Amino acid sequence: MEVKLKDRPIQQVREEAIDKLIYNYSHSVISAEAFERRLDDVMNTDDPYKIQSLVEDLSLNIDMQYAQEKDTVFTPNYSHEISNEDDTLTSILGNSERGGKWLVPKEIKVYDVLGSTTLDFSEAVFQHQNISINLLCILGSVTVYVPESINIVSRISSVLADVDNRAASVAQKQAPTINISGNVVLGNLTVEKKTTTKEKWVAFANNLKALFGDSKNY
């Protein structure tokens, strides 16, 4: 027997609706304007019946190809390639950055004195489920960009400093977890998503639309 809609986890109901919106938009069933309008409505309500009503007129259901494309985009990149177990970034009156498709070690040490450091995990390739960032920031600025598929745990001691964690730990349990610890003195630490949830869904939808084209063979 199917579980009643009101008793299902709202996040699951929402994601299924978003999947259906994206799939139908990518196959030109609805316009870009209708897609973004409905996407906003789905993301901004916790009423499962309203969410369902926003997609009940859409005729197409997702297939295996869609699921595979989604996994490729939204699942963290793992690799068995061997690299150093630790890495150190030092910024003294200068800049340091890690970004792109870089191999993430188990431990990252950051020393930032009157400098600027950026760690961008948006396209990073992970080898370990638990990653430690040990931070010492004095009169400097450290920014950490993370995708939604990553868990973040922050244990920072700050002295006359700003520590802003805008990336909630809501990823799946098997997702990588980044543990940030250390000290920020008269400096700034910001942890945030590089793109919003909506921006990522829209980008994924547009990529699928380009992949499927305007074909009516469905």
C-alpha atoms as a PDB file:
ATOM      1  CA  MET A   1       0.000   0.000   0.000  1.00  0.00           C
ATOM      2  CA  GLU A   2       1.309   3.423  -0.975  1.00  0.00           C
ATOM      3  CA  VAL A   3       2.114   5.835   1.869  1.00  0.00           C
ATOM      4  CA  LYS A   4      -0.214   8.813   2.094  1.00  0.00           C
ATOM      5  CA  LEU A   5       1.257  11.973   0.609  1.00  0.00           C
ATOM      6  CA  LYS A   6       0.955  13.932   3.873  1.00  0.00           C
ATOM      7  CA  ASP A   7       2.964  11.253   5.718  1.00  0.00           C
ATOM      8  CA  ARG A   8       5.929  11.217   3.334  1.00  0.00           C
ATOM      9  CA  PRO A   9       9.122  13.229   4.046  1.00  0.00           C
ATOM     10  CA  ILE A  10       8.588  16.660   2.503  1.00  0.00           C
ATOM     11  CA  GLN A  11      12.127  16.770   1.085  1.00  0.00           C
ATOM     12  CA  GLN A  12      11.493  13.547  -0.811  1.00  0.00           C
ATOM     13  CA  VAL A  13       8.193  14.841  -2.196  1.00  0.00           C
ATOM     14  CA  ARG A  14       9.903  18.082  -3.231  1.00  0.00           C
ATOM     15  CA  GLU A  15      12.832  16.384  -4.957  1.00  0.00           C
ATOM     16  CA  GLU A  16      10.565  14.056  -6.919  1.00  0.00           C
ATOM     17  CA  ALA A  17       8.570  17.075  -8.111  1.00  0.00           C
ATOM     18  CA  ILE A  18      11.760  18.907  -9.107  1.00  0.00           C
ATOM     19  CA  ASP A  19      12.936  15.836 -11.025  1.00  0.00           C
ATOM     20  CA  LYS A  20       9.666  15.766 -12.929  1.00  0.00           C
ATOM     21  CA  LEU A  21       9.839  19.510 -13.660  1.00  0.00           C
ATOM     22  CA  ILE A  22      13.379  19.242 -14.975  1.00  0.00           C
ATOM     23  CA  TYR A  23      12.651  16.184 -17.093  1.00  0.00           C
ATOM     24  CA  ASN A  24       9.586  17.706 -18.734  1.00  0.00           C
ATOM     25  CA  TYR A  25      11.328  21.041 -19.296  1.00  0.00           C
ATOM     26  CA  SER A  26      14.347  19.298 -20.838  1.00  0.00           C
ATOM     27  CA  HIS A  27      11.977  17.588 -23.287  1.00  0.00           C
ATOM     28  CA  SER A  28      10.245  20.893 -24.149  1.00  0.00           C
ATOM     29  CA  VAL A  29       6.943  19.987 -22.508  1.00  0.00           C
ATOM     30  CA  ILE A  30       6.937  23.308 -20.618  1.00  0.00           C
ATOM     31  CA  SER A  31       8.625  26.633 -21.300  1.00  0.00           C
ATOM     32  CA  ALA A  32      11.620  28.035 -19.450  1.00  0.00           C
ATOM     33  CA  GLU A  33       9.393  30.642 -17.803  1.00  0.00           C
ATOM     34  CA  ALA A  34       6.913  28.025 -16.586  1.00  0.00           C
ATOM     35  CA  PHE A  35       9.743  25.801 -15.372  1.00  0.00           C
ATOM     36  CA  GLU A  36      11.373  28.519 -13.247  1.00  0.00           C
ATOM     37  CA  ARG A  37       8.030  29.746 -11.917  1.00  0.00           C
ATOM     38  CA  ARG A  38       6.988  26.265 -10.835  1.00  0.00           C
ATOM     39  CA  LEU A  39      10.460  25.520  -9.476  1.00  0.00           C
ATOM     40  CA  ASP A  40      10.235  28.598  -7.221  1.00  0.00           C
ATOM     41  CA  ASP A  41       6.811  27.482  -6.011  1.00  0.00           C
ATOM     42  CA  VAL A  42       7.994  23.926  -5.296  1.00  0.00           C
ATOM     43  CA  MET A  43      11.023  25.156  -3.357  1.00  0.00           C
ATOM     44  CA  ASN A  44       9.084  27.734  -1.336  1.00  0.00           C
ATOM     45  CA  THR A  45       6.287  25.581   0.072  1.00  0.00           C
ATOM     46  CA  ASP A  46       6.107  22.757   2.593  1.00  0.00           C
ATOM     47  CA  ASP A  47       2.617  21.735   1.535  1.00  0.00           C
ATOM     48  CA  PRO A  48       2.928  18.322  -0.168  1.00  0.00           C
ATOM     49  CA  TYR A  49      -0.439  18.687  -1.901  1.00  0.00           C
ATOM     50  CA  LYS A  50       0.546  22.022  -3.424  1.00  0.00           C
ATOM     51  CA  ILE A  51       3.847  20.521  -4.567  1.00  0.00           C
ATOM     52  CA  GLN A  52       2.033  17.627  -6.207  1.00  0.00           C
ATOM     53  CA  SER A  53      -0.435  19.974  -7.908  1.00  0.00           C
ATOM     54  CA  LEU A  54       2.452  21.830  -9.571  1.00  0.00           C
ATOM     55  CA  VAL A  55       3.541  18.740 -11.529  1.00  0.00           C
ATOM     56  CA  GLU A  56       0.382  16.638 -11.865  1.00  0.00           C
ATOM     57  CA  ASP A  57      -0.286  17.925 -15.397  1.00  0.00           C
ATOM     58  CA  LEU A  58       3.185  16.897 -16.642  1.00  0.00           C
ATOM     59  CA  SER A  59       3.021  13.724 -18.679  1.00  0.00           C
ATOM     60  CA  LEU A  60       6.625  12.491 -18.699  1.00  0.00           C
ATOM     61  CA  ASN A  61       8.310  10.522 -15.915  1.00  0.00           C
ATOM     62  CA  ILE A  62      12.050  10.376 -15.398  1.00  0.00           C
ATOM     63  CA  ASP A  63      14.033   7.509 -16.896  1.00  0.00           C
ATOM     64  CA  MET A  64      17.348   5.772 -16.228  1.00  0.00           C
ATOM     65  CA  GLN A  65      19.325   8.227 -18.351  1.00  0.00           C
ATOM     66  CA  TYR A  66      18.019  11.121 -16.270  1.00  0.00           C
ATOM     67  CA  ALA A  67      18.951   9.335 -13.034  1.00  0.00           C
ATOM     68  CA  GLN A  68      22.475   8.682 -14.324  1.00  0.00           C
ATOM     69  CA  GLU A  69      22.962  12.302 -15.416  1.00  0.00           C
ATOM     70  CA  LYS A  70      21.695  13.514 -12.040  1.00  0.00           C
ATOM     71  CA  ASP A  71      24.063  11.219 -10.144  1.00  0.00           C
ATOM     72  CA  THR A  72      26.976  12.499 -12.199  1.00  0.00           C
ATOM     73  CA  VAL A  73      26.199  16.127 -11.322  1.00  0.00           C
ATOM     74  CA  PHE A  74      25.010  15.885  -7.718  1.00  0.00           C
ATOM     75  CA  THR A  75      27.040  12.992  -6.301  1.00  0.00           C
ATOM     76  CA  PRO A  76      30.466  13.861  -4.843  1.00  0.00           C
ATOM     77  CA  ASN A  77      33.434  12.840  -6.973  1.00  0.00           C
ATOM     78  CA  TYR A  78      35.417  10.003  -5.418  1.00  0.00           C
ATOM     79  CA  SER A  79      38.775   8.660  -6.585  1.00  0.00           C
ATOM     80  CA  HIS A  80      41.098   5.860  -5.502  1.00  0.00           C
ATOM     81  CA  GLU A  81      44.078   7.749  -6.881  1.00  0.00           C
ATOM     82  CA  ILE A  82      46.790   8.104  -4.267  1.00  0.00           C
ATOM     83  CA  SER A  83      47.943  11.568  -3.208  1.00  0.00           C
ATOM     84  CA  ASN A  84      49.538  13.103  -0.136  1.00  0.00           C
ATOM     85  CA  GLU A  85      47.615  12.557   3.088  1.00  0.00           C
ATOM     86  CA  ASP A  86      48.004  16.232   3.963  1.00  0.00           C
ATOM     87  CA  ASP A  87      48.476  19.600   2.324  1.00  0.00           C
ATOM     88  CA  THR A  88      49.498  23.015   3.649  1.00  0.00           C
ATOM     89  CA  LEU A  89      48.456  26.423   2.347  1.00  0.00           C
ATOM     90  CA  THR A  90      50.385  29.415   3.633  1.00  0.00           C
ATOM     91  CA  SER A  91      49.321  32.976   2.884  1.00  0.00           C
ATOM     92  CA  ILE A  92      51.450  35.720   4.414  1.00  0.00           C
ATOM     93  CA  LEU A  93      50.692  39.070   2.787  1.00  0.00           C
ATOM     94  CA  GLY A  94      49.604  37.067  -0.256  1.00  0.00           C
ATOM     95  CA  ASN A  95      46.987  34.773  -1.776  1.00  0.00           C
ATOM     96  CA  SER A  96      46.577  30.986  -1.823  1.00  0.00           C
ATOM     97  CA  GLU A  97      43.889  29.009  -3.628  1.00  0.00           C
ATOM     98  CA  ARG A  98      42.783  25.442  -4.294  1.00  0.00           C
ATOM     99  CA  GLY A  99      40.045  24.967  -6.855  1.00  0.00           C
ATOM    100  CA  GLY A 100      38.858  23.117  -9.934  1.00  0.00           C
ATOM    101  CA  LYS A 101      39.130  19.304 -10.050  1.00  0.00           C
ATOM    102  CA  TRP A 102      41.727  18.956  -7.324  1.00  0.00           C
ATOM    103  CA  LEU A 103      42.418  15.821  -5.287  1.00  0.00           C
ATOM    104  CA  VAL A 104      41.436  16.483  -1.671  1.00  0.00           C
ATOM    105  CA  PRO A 105      43.832  15.091   0.964  1.00  0.00           C
ATOM    106  CA  LYS A 106      42.730  13.835   4.369  1.00  0.00           C
ATOM    107  CA  GLU A 107      44.073  16.874   6.203  1.00  0.00           C
ATOM    108  CA  ILE A 108      44.543  20.471   5.072  1.00  0.00           C
ATOM    109  CA  LYS A 109      46.503  22.995   7.144  1.00  0.00           C
ATOM    110  CA  VAL A 110      45.861  26.671   6.469  1.00  0.00           C
ATOM    111  CA  TYR A 111      48.077  29.455   7.791  1.00  0.00           C
ATOM    112  CA  ASP A 112      46.832  32.892   6.817  1.00  0.00           C
ATOM    113  CA  VAL A 113      48.474  36.059   8.149  1.00  0.00           C
ATOM    114  CA  LEU A 114      47.380  39.314   6.512  1.00  0.00           C
ATOM    115  CA  GLY A 115      46.560  37.264   3.437  1.00  0.00           C
ATOM    116  CA  SER A 116      43.694  35.663   1.527  1.00  0.00           C
ATOM    117  CA  THR A 117      42.992  31.937   1.176  1.00  0.00           C
ATOM    118  CA  THR A 118      40.313  30.216  -0.895  1.00  0.00           C
ATOM    119  CA  LEU A 119      39.378  26.529  -0.763  1.00  0.00           C
ATOM    120  CA  ASP A 120      36.835  25.654  -3.454  1.00  0.00           C
ATOM    121  CA  PHE A 121      35.366  22.137  -3.135  1.00  0.00           C
ATOM    122  CA  SER A 122      32.731  22.669  -5.851  1.00  0.00           C
ATOM    123  CA  GLU A 123      34.464  20.347  -8.349  1.00  0.00           C
ATOM    124  CA  ALA A 124      36.888  18.639  -5.981  1.00  0.00           C
ATOM    125  CA  VAL A 125      37.632  14.909  -6.124  1.00  0.00           C
ATOM    126  CA  PHE A 126      37.487  13.167  -2.746  1.00  0.00           C
ATOM    127  CA  GLN A 127      39.483  10.173  -1.518  1.00  0.00           C
ATOM    128  CA  HIS A 128      38.289  10.179   2.086  1.00  0.00           C
ATOM    129  CA  GLN A 129      34.898  10.482   3.749  1.00  0.00           C
ATOM    130  CA  ASN A 130      36.260  12.635   6.572  1.00  0.00           C
ATOM    131  CA  ILE A 131      38.464  15.639   5.814  1.00  0.00           C
ATOM    132  CA  SER A 132      40.027  17.952   8.382  1.00  0.00           C
ATOM    133  CA  ILE A 133      40.860  21.616   7.836  1.00  0.00           C
ATOM    134  CA  ASN A 134      43.094  22.984  10.585  1.00  0.00           C
ATOM    135  CA  LEU A 135      43.083  26.758  10.397  1.00  0.00           C
ATOM    136  CA  LEU A 136      45.088  29.611  11.857  1.00  0.00           C
ATOM    137  CA  CYS A 137      43.980  32.975  10.480  1.00  0.00           C
ATOM    138  CA  ILE A 138      45.402  36.232  11.841  1.00  0.00           C
ATOM    139  CA  LEU A 139      44.255  39.483  10.238  1.00  0.00           C
ATOM    140  CA  GLY A 140      43.463  37.496   7.129  1.00  0.00           C
ATOM    141  CA  SER A 141      40.517  36.243   5.096  1.00  0.00           C
ATOM    142  CA  VAL A 142      39.639  32.595   4.446  1.00  0.00           C
ATOM    143  CA  THR A 143      36.771  31.515   2.164  1.00  0.00           C
ATOM    144  CA  VAL A 144      35.576  27.917   1.789  1.00  0.00           C
ATOM    145  CA  TYR A 145      33.149  27.074  -1.045  1.00  0.00           C
ATOM    146  CA  VAL A 146      31.245  23.797  -0.739  1.00  0.00           C
ATOM    147  CA  PRO A 147      28.611  21.995  -2.837  1.00  0.00           C
ATOM    148  CA  GLU A 148      25.338  20.836  -1.273  1.00  0.00           C
ATOM    149  CA  SER A 149      26.508  17.223  -1.369  1.00  0.00           C
ATOM    150  CA  ILE A 150      29.112  17.894   1.349  1.00  0.00           C
ATOM    151  CA  ASN A 151      28.601  17.968   5.115  1.00  0.00           C
ATOM    152  CA  ILE A 152      30.296  20.770   7.059  1.00  0.00           C
ATOM    153  CA  VAL A 153      31.203  20.751  10.752  1.00  0.00           C
ATOM    154  CA  SER A 154      32.767  23.957  12.116  1.00  0.00           C
ATOM    155  CA  ARG A 155      34.570  24.215  15.454  1.00  0.00           C
ATOM    156  CA  ILE A 156      36.326  27.568  15.209  1.00  0.00           C
ATOM    157  CA  SER A 157      37.540  29.752  18.069  1.00  0.00           C
ATOM    158  CA  SER A 158      37.355  33.421  17.121  1.00  0.00           C
ATOM    159  CA  VAL A 159      38.913  36.494  18.738  1.00  0.00           C
ATOM    160  CA  LEU A 160      37.537  39.797  17.444  1.00  0.00           C
ATOM    161  CA  ALA A 161      36.838  37.960  14.204  1.00  0.00           C
ATOM    162  CA  ASP A 162      33.949  37.125  11.878  1.00  0.00           C
ATOM    163  CA  VAL A 163      33.022  33.480  11.321  1.00  0.00           C
ATOM    164  CA  ASP A 164      30.118  32.963   8.915  1.00  0.00           C
ATOM    165  CA  ASN A 165      28.946  29.430   8.065  1.00  0.00           C
ATOM    166  CA  ARG A 166      26.177  29.631   5.432  1.00  0.00           C
ATOM    167  CA  ALA A 167      26.436  25.978   4.360  1.00  0.00           C
ATOM    168  CA  ALA A 168      24.142  23.793   6.450  1.00  0.00           C
ATOM    169  CA  SER A 169      25.086  20.157   7.055  1.00  0.00           C
ATOM    170  CA  VAL A 170      22.198  18.493   5.239  1.00  0.00           C
ATOM    171  CA  ALA A 171      23.935  16.079   2.874  1.00  0.00           C
ATOM    172  CA  GLN A 172      23.537  12.312   3.088  1.00  0.00           C
ATOM    173  CA  LYS A 173      25.394  10.451   5.825  1.00  0.00           C
ATOM    174  CA  GLN A 174      27.694   8.722   3.320  1.00  0.00           C
ATOM    175  CA  ALA A 175      28.701  12.074   1.825  1.00  0.00           C
ATOM    176  CA  PRO A 176      32.131  13.525   2.623  1.00  0.00           C
ATOM    177  CA  THR A 177      32.302  15.521   5.847  1.00  0.00           C
ATOM    178  CA  ILE A 178      34.650  18.483   6.153  1.00  0.00           C
ATOM    179  CA  ASN A 179      35.607  19.311   9.736  1.00  0.00           C
ATOM    180  CA  ILE A 180      36.923  22.855  10.167  1.00  0.00           C
ATOM    181  CA  SER A 181      38.763  23.667  13.391  1.00  0.00           C
ATOM    182  CA  GLY A 182      41.296  26.217  14.590  1.00  0.00           C
ATOM    183  CA  ASN A 183      41.526  29.887  15.422  1.00  0.00           C
ATOM    184  CA  VAL A 184      40.589  33.134  13.709  1.00  0.00           C
ATOM    185  CA  VAL A 185      42.070  36.298  15.243  1.00  0.00           C
ATOM    186  CA  LEU A 186      41.038  39.691  13.885  1.00  0.00           C
ATOM    187  CA  GLY A 187      40.222  37.953  10.644  1.00  0.00           C
ATOM    188  CA  ASN A 188      37.383  36.508   8.619  1.00  0.00           C
ATOM    189  CA  LEU A 189      36.241  32.960   7.831  1.00  0.00           C
ATOM    190  CA  THR A 190      33.333  32.394   5.428  1.00  0.00           C
ATOM    191  CA  VAL A 191      31.890  28.994   4.511  1.00  0.00           C
ATOM    192  CA  GLU A 192      29.269  29.121   1.782  1.00  0.00           C
ATOM    193  CA  LYS A 193      27.820  27.491  -1.287  1.00  0.00           C
ATOM    194  CA  LYS A 194      29.274  28.802  -4.521  1.00  0.00           C
ATOM    195  CA  THR A 195      25.888  28.555  -6.227  1.00  0.00           C
ATOM    196  CA  THR A 196      22.393  28.584  -4.779  1.00  0.00           C
ATOM    197  CA  THR A 197      20.200  25.495  -4.829  1.00  0.00           C
ATOM    198  CA  LYS A 198      17.991  27.007  -7.505  1.00  0.00           C
ATOM    199  CA  GLU A 199      20.962  28.006  -9.671  1.00  0.00           C
ATOM    200  CA  LYS A 200      22.260  24.439  -9.584  1.00  0.00           C
ATOM    201  CA  TRP A 201      18.890  22.942 -10.515  1.00  0.00           C
ATOM    202  CA  VAL A 202      18.425  25.438 -13.366  1.00  0.00           C
ATOM    203  CA  ALA A 203      21.930  24.811 -14.700  1.00  0.00           C
ATOM    204  CA  PHE A 204      21.321  21.051 -14.595  1.00  0.00           C
ATOM    205  CA  ALA A 205      17.978  21.469 -16.394  1.00  0.00           C
ATOM    206  CA  ASN A 206      19.520  23.617 -19.122  1.00  0.00           C
ATOM    207  CA  ASN A 207      22.351  21.122 -19.626  1.00  0.00           C
ATOM    208  CA  LEU A 208      19.808  18.328 -20.024  1.00  0.00           C
ATOM    209  CA  LYS A 209      17.778  20.402 -22.465  1.00  0.00           C
ATOM    210  CA  ALA A 210      20.911  20.924 -24.555  1.00  0.00           C
ATOM    211  CA  LEU A 211      21.613  17.182 -24.336  1.00  0.00           C
ATOM    212  CA  PHE A 212      18.119  16.073 -25.337  1.00  0.00           C
ATOM    213  CA  GLY A 213      17.529  18.973 -27.715  1.00  0.00           C
ATOM    214  CA  ASP A 214      14.020  19.655 -28.886  1.00  0.00           C
ATOM    215  CA  SER A 215      13.437  16.040 -29.874  1.00  0.00           C
ATOM    216  CA  LYS A 216       9.857  14.857 -29.640  1.00  0.00           C
ATOM    217  CA  ASN A 217      10.836  11.202 -29.654  1.00  0.00           C
ATOM    218  CA  TYR A 218       9.400  10.282 -26.308  1.00  0.00           C
END
